[in-house]
Structures are given as structure tokens and as C-alpha cells.
């Protein structure tokens, strides 16, 4: 079984990556998709005003909102997939999930920063490539 991890943040490039990953499944290069959303942690100040359950619910609601368009497309295509969500640094959490789930590859979008901006600031995609031991396909 070849499982592809598709990190999804709702961006146009993430949607393009999802479409590409779907093609790989439809052409039998992969058999399963894992859709992953990595949310930002709640600001520290909110931890004093919300319960642990309220924070988890807010994070789950945000993840559901971001993943909804991707899930709709996958459901309409009748493709099997799993949904996962994490909270934290996007690159670190994507890499951690890839290791833990033992995925065979990652297909992810890139915002298409220019080479100079990318070299100066780095990007989530660039950091993921350096953190994982599986192939990463970047889609603009």
C-alpha cells in the first residue's frame, strides 16, 4: 500500500497539490491519501480564559473549516482518505506525522515564493523536505 500525505491549509497551491495527489491515486500510483491540517496554537492569553476542552473544540472547528473544501472534492471523486489534524509548527508537525504514519510520500503545495525570498526566509515546504526521509512532491 502506498500512502500519500497531503498537508492542506486551504491555499490555492494546497488545492493544486490535492488535485495532483488525487491523480496519483486514480492512476494507481498510490492507494490511500491522508489529508493533514496543521493549525496554529491558540495565543497564550486565551489559555486563561478557556478550558482545555474549549480550546480543543476551537482547534477542531478551525481544522474542519479549512479541510471542508478538500473533503468535499475527495468525497465527490469517491476516493478513500483519512483526515488528520495537529497543532504546532507546520513543518515540524508535517514531518512528525509523516514519520509516525509511515507514509510513503508527501504531496504539498508551495506558495511559490521567489528564490531570493525563499533563501532568506525559508518556507514550510523547504523545511519539510529537509526534515523527512520520504519523497516530497511540491506543487505550485
C-alpha atoms as a PDB file:
ATOM      1  CA  UNK A   1       0.000   0.000   0.000  1.00  0.00           C
ATOM      2  CA  UNK A   2       1.336   3.417  -0.938  1.00  0.00           C
ATOM      3  CA  UNK A   3       0.045   6.200   1.286  1.00  0.00           C
ATOM      4  CA  UNK A   4       0.450   9.844   0.337  1.00  0.00           C
ATOM      5  CA  UNK A   5       0.309  12.576   2.947  1.00  0.00           C
ATOM      6  CA  UNK A   6      -1.309  15.776   1.687  1.00  0.00           C
ATOM      7  CA  UNK A   7      -0.860  18.726   4.068  1.00  0.00           C
ATOM      8  CA  UNK A   8      -3.737  21.120   3.441  1.00  0.00           C
ATOM      9  CA  UNK A   9      -4.029  24.739   4.554  1.00  0.00           C
ATOM     10  CA  UNK A  10      -6.801  25.870   2.248  1.00  0.00           C
ATOM     11  CA  UNK A  11      -4.486  27.805  -0.079  1.00  0.00           C
ATOM     12  CA  UNK A  12      -4.648  27.654  -3.852  1.00  0.00           C
ATOM     13  CA  UNK A  13      -1.352  25.765  -4.019  1.00  0.00           C
ATOM     14  CA  UNK A  14      -2.614  23.235  -1.445  1.00  0.00           C
ATOM     15  CA  UNK A  15      -5.667  22.692  -3.650  1.00  0.00           C
ATOM     16  CA  UNK A  16      -3.385  22.103  -6.642  1.00  0.00           C
ATOM     17  CA  UNK A  17      -1.379  19.595  -4.583  1.00  0.00           C
ATOM     18  CA  UNK A  18      -4.589  17.801  -3.627  1.00  0.00           C
ATOM     19  CA  UNK A  19      -5.635  17.580  -7.279  1.00  0.00           C
ATOM     20  CA  UNK A  20      -2.223  16.149  -8.195  1.00  0.00           C
ATOM     21  CA  UNK A  21      -2.366  13.602  -5.366  1.00  0.00           C
ATOM     22  CA  UNK A  22      -5.832  12.572  -6.498  1.00  0.00           C
ATOM     23  CA  UNK A  23      -4.446  11.935  -9.975  1.00  0.00           C
ATOM     24  CA  UNK A  24      -1.772   9.688  -8.496  1.00  0.00           C
ATOM     25  CA  UNK A  25      -4.444   7.665  -6.702  1.00  0.00           C
ATOM     26  CA  UNK A  26      -6.684   7.492  -9.772  1.00  0.00           C
ATOM     27  CA  UNK A  27      -3.725   6.293 -11.864  1.00  0.00           C
ATOM     28  CA  UNK A  28      -2.878   3.684  -9.185  1.00  0.00           C
ATOM     29  CA  UNK A  29       0.492   5.178  -8.222  1.00  0.00           C
ATOM     30  CA  UNK A  30      -0.873   5.438  -4.680  1.00  0.00           C
ATOM     31  CA  UNK A  31      -3.706   3.709  -2.887  1.00  0.00           C
ATOM     32  CA  UNK A  32      -4.523   5.948   0.051  1.00  0.00           C
ATOM     33  CA  UNK A  33      -4.493   9.646   0.919  1.00  0.00           C
ATOM     34  CA  UNK A  34      -4.028  11.204   4.320  1.00  0.00           C
ATOM     35  CA  UNK A  35      -5.248  14.777   4.477  1.00  0.00           C
ATOM     36  CA  UNK A  36      -3.475  16.750   7.215  1.00  0.00           C
ATOM     37  CA  UNK A  37      -4.245  20.191   8.602  1.00  0.00           C
ATOM     38  CA  UNK A  38      -1.766  21.804  10.982  1.00  0.00           C
ATOM     39  CA  UNK A  39      -3.304  24.640  12.946  1.00  0.00           C
ATOM     40  CA  UNK A  40      -1.590  27.432  14.781  1.00  0.00           C
ATOM     41  CA  UNK A  41      -1.579  27.118  18.562  1.00  0.00           C
ATOM     42  CA  UNK A  42      -4.014  29.327  20.443  1.00  0.00           C
ATOM     43  CA  UNK A  43      -2.443  32.537  21.747  1.00  0.00           C
ATOM     44  CA  UNK A  44      -1.141  32.112  25.284  1.00  0.00           C
ATOM     45  CA  UNK A  45      -3.510  34.740  26.671  1.00  0.00           C
ATOM     46  CA  UNK A  46      -6.555  32.681  25.698  1.00  0.00           C
ATOM     47  CA  UNK A  47      -5.468  29.714  27.790  1.00  0.00           C
ATOM     48  CA  UNK A  48      -6.510  31.516  30.967  1.00  0.00           C
ATOM     49  CA  UNK A  49      -9.988  32.309  29.658  1.00  0.00           C
ATOM     50  CA  UNK A  50     -10.867  28.987  28.013  1.00  0.00           C
ATOM     51  CA  UNK A  51     -10.998  25.435  29.295  1.00  0.00           C
ATOM     52  CA  UNK A  52      -8.873  22.712  27.738  1.00  0.00           C
ATOM     53  CA  UNK A  53     -11.999  21.263  26.106  1.00  0.00           C
ATOM     54  CA  UNK A  54     -12.980  24.664  24.675  1.00  0.00           C
ATOM     55  CA  UNK A  55      -9.506  25.105  23.188  1.00  0.00           C
ATOM     56  CA  UNK A  56      -9.618  21.632  21.642  1.00  0.00           C
ATOM     57  CA  UNK A  57     -13.085  22.302  20.237  1.00  0.00           C
ATOM     58  CA  UNK A  58     -11.991  25.599  18.701  1.00  0.00           C
ATOM     59  CA  UNK A  59      -8.960  23.895  17.114  1.00  0.00           C
ATOM     60  CA  UNK A  60     -11.171  21.082  15.774  1.00  0.00           C
ATOM     61  CA  UNK A  61     -13.663  23.605  14.365  1.00  0.00           C
ATOM     62  CA  UNK A  62     -10.866  25.508  12.602  1.00  0.00           C
ATOM     63  CA  UNK A  63      -9.424  22.311  11.152  1.00  0.00           C
ATOM     64  CA  UNK A  64     -12.850  21.227   9.948  1.00  0.00           C
ATOM     65  CA  UNK A  65     -13.445  24.599   8.295  1.00  0.00           C
ATOM     66  CA  UNK A  66     -10.086  24.515   6.464  1.00  0.00           C
ATOM     67  CA  UNK A  67     -10.441  20.878   5.376  1.00  0.00           C
ATOM     68  CA  UNK A  68     -14.083  21.138   4.249  1.00  0.00           C
ATOM     69  CA  UNK A  69     -13.361  22.070   0.583  1.00  0.00           C
ATOM     70  CA  UNK A  70     -10.781  19.284   0.254  1.00  0.00           C
ATOM     71  CA  UNK A  71     -13.096  16.715   1.812  1.00  0.00           C
ATOM     72  CA  UNK A  72     -15.911  17.748  -0.494  1.00  0.00           C
ATOM     73  CA  UNK A  73     -13.719  17.225  -3.570  1.00  0.00           C
ATOM     74  CA  UNK A  74     -12.461  13.857  -2.334  1.00  0.00           C
ATOM     75  CA  UNK A  75     -15.976  12.712  -1.465  1.00  0.00           C
ATOM     76  CA  UNK A  76     -17.290  13.738  -4.888  1.00  0.00           C
ATOM     77  CA  UNK A  77     -14.433  11.798  -6.519  1.00  0.00           C
ATOM     78  CA  UNK A  78     -15.274   8.804  -4.295  1.00  0.00           C
ATOM     79  CA  UNK A  79     -11.656   8.445  -3.204  1.00  0.00           C
ATOM     80  CA  UNK A  80     -10.726   6.901   0.138  1.00  0.00           C
ATOM     81  CA  UNK A  81      -8.881   9.181   2.537  1.00  0.00           C
ATOM     82  CA  UNK A  82      -8.124   9.735   6.182  1.00  0.00           C
ATOM     83  CA  UNK A  83      -8.326  13.112   7.921  1.00  0.00           C
ATOM     84  CA  UNK A  84      -5.766  14.141  10.494  1.00  0.00           C
ATOM     85  CA  UNK A  85      -5.107  17.380  12.337  1.00  0.00           C
ATOM     86  CA  UNK A  86      -2.350  18.676  14.533  1.00  0.00           C
ATOM     87  CA  UNK A  87      -1.445  21.932  16.214  1.00  0.00           C
ATOM     88  CA  UNK A  88       2.005  23.498  16.178  1.00  0.00           C
ATOM     89  CA  UNK A  89       4.769  24.482  13.789  1.00  0.00           C
ATOM     90  CA  UNK A  90       3.553  23.380  10.352  1.00  0.00           C
ATOM     91  CA  UNK A  91       6.847  21.956   9.060  1.00  0.00           C
ATOM     92  CA  UNK A  92       7.655  20.132  12.284  1.00  0.00           C
ATOM     93  CA  UNK A  93       4.164  18.674  12.630  1.00  0.00           C
ATOM     94  CA  UNK A  94       4.020  17.575   8.988  1.00  0.00           C
ATOM     95  CA  UNK A  95       7.387  15.826   9.381  1.00  0.00           C
ATOM     96  CA  UNK A  96       6.373  14.265  12.709  1.00  0.00           C
ATOM     97  CA  UNK A  97       3.125  12.986  11.220  1.00  0.00           C
ATOM     98  CA  UNK A  98       4.919  11.596   8.159  1.00  0.00           C
ATOM     99  CA  UNK A  99       7.249   9.606  10.430  1.00  0.00           C
ATOM    100  CA  UNK A 100       4.504   8.394  12.767  1.00  0.00           C
ATOM    101  CA  UNK A 101       2.105   7.377   9.997  1.00  0.00           C
ATOM    102  CA  UNK A 102       4.887   5.818   7.924  1.00  0.00           C
ATOM    103  CA  UNK A 103       3.582   7.453   4.779  1.00  0.00           C
ATOM    104  CA  UNK A 104       5.337   6.672   1.506  1.00  0.00           C
ATOM    105  CA  UNK A 105       5.449  10.229   0.221  1.00  0.00           C
ATOM    106  CA  UNK A 106       4.204  13.777   0.695  1.00  0.00           C
ATOM    107  CA  UNK A 107       2.464  15.922  -1.901  1.00  0.00           C
ATOM    108  CA  UNK A 108       2.192  19.520  -0.798  1.00  0.00           C
ATOM    109  CA  UNK A 109       1.680  22.977  -2.146  1.00  0.00           C
ATOM    110  CA  UNK A 110       4.164  25.762  -2.144  1.00  0.00           C
ATOM    111  CA  UNK A 111       3.175  29.373  -2.199  1.00  0.00           C
ATOM    112  CA  UNK A 112       5.711  29.912  -4.971  1.00  0.00           C
ATOM    113  CA  UNK A 113       7.943  32.408  -3.217  1.00  0.00           C
ATOM    114  CA  UNK A 114      10.757  33.644  -5.396  1.00  0.00           C
ATOM    115  CA  UNK A 115      14.175  32.040  -4.979  1.00  0.00           C
ATOM    116  CA  UNK A 116      15.615  35.023  -3.085  1.00  0.00           C
ATOM    117  CA  UNK A 117      12.715  35.279  -0.614  1.00  0.00           C
ATOM    118  CA  UNK A 118      12.780  31.524  -0.149  1.00  0.00           C
ATOM    119  CA  UNK A 119      16.515  31.539   0.543  1.00  0.00           C
ATOM    120  CA  UNK A 120      16.192  34.375   3.050  1.00  0.00           C
ATOM    121  CA  UNK A 121      13.048  33.276   4.889  1.00  0.00           C
ATOM    122  CA  UNK A 122      12.734  29.618   4.100  1.00  0.00           C
ATOM    123  CA  UNK A 123       9.322  28.063   3.691  1.00  0.00           C
ATOM    124  CA  UNK A 124       7.277  25.301   5.227  1.00  0.00           C
ATOM    125  CA  UNK A 125       7.839  23.176   2.122  1.00  0.00           C
ATOM    126  CA  UNK A 126      11.612  23.677   2.203  1.00  0.00           C
ATOM    127  CA  UNK A 127      11.764  22.767   5.887  1.00  0.00           C
ATOM    128  CA  UNK A 128       9.622  19.668   5.359  1.00  0.00           C
ATOM    129  CA  UNK A 129      11.957  18.470   2.595  1.00  0.00           C
ATOM    130  CA  UNK A 130      14.892  18.753   4.980  1.00  0.00           C
ATOM    131  CA  UNK A 131      13.089  17.038   7.875  1.00  0.00           C
ATOM    132  CA  UNK A 132      11.699  13.887   6.227  1.00  0.00           C
ATOM    133  CA  UNK A 133      13.151  10.753   4.688  1.00  0.00           C
ATOM    134  CA  UNK A 134      10.376  10.182   2.148  1.00  0.00           C
ATOM    135  CA  UNK A 135       9.928  11.768  -1.281  1.00  0.00           C
ATOM    136  CA  UNK A 136       8.233  15.169  -1.241  1.00  0.00           C
ATOM    137  CA  UNK A 137       6.489  16.471  -4.348  1.00  0.00           C
ATOM    138  CA  UNK A 138       5.964  20.231  -4.333  1.00  0.00           C
ATOM    139  CA  UNK A 139       3.106  21.602  -6.414  1.00  0.00           C
ATOM    140  CA  UNK A 140       2.672  25.258  -7.308  1.00  0.00           C
END
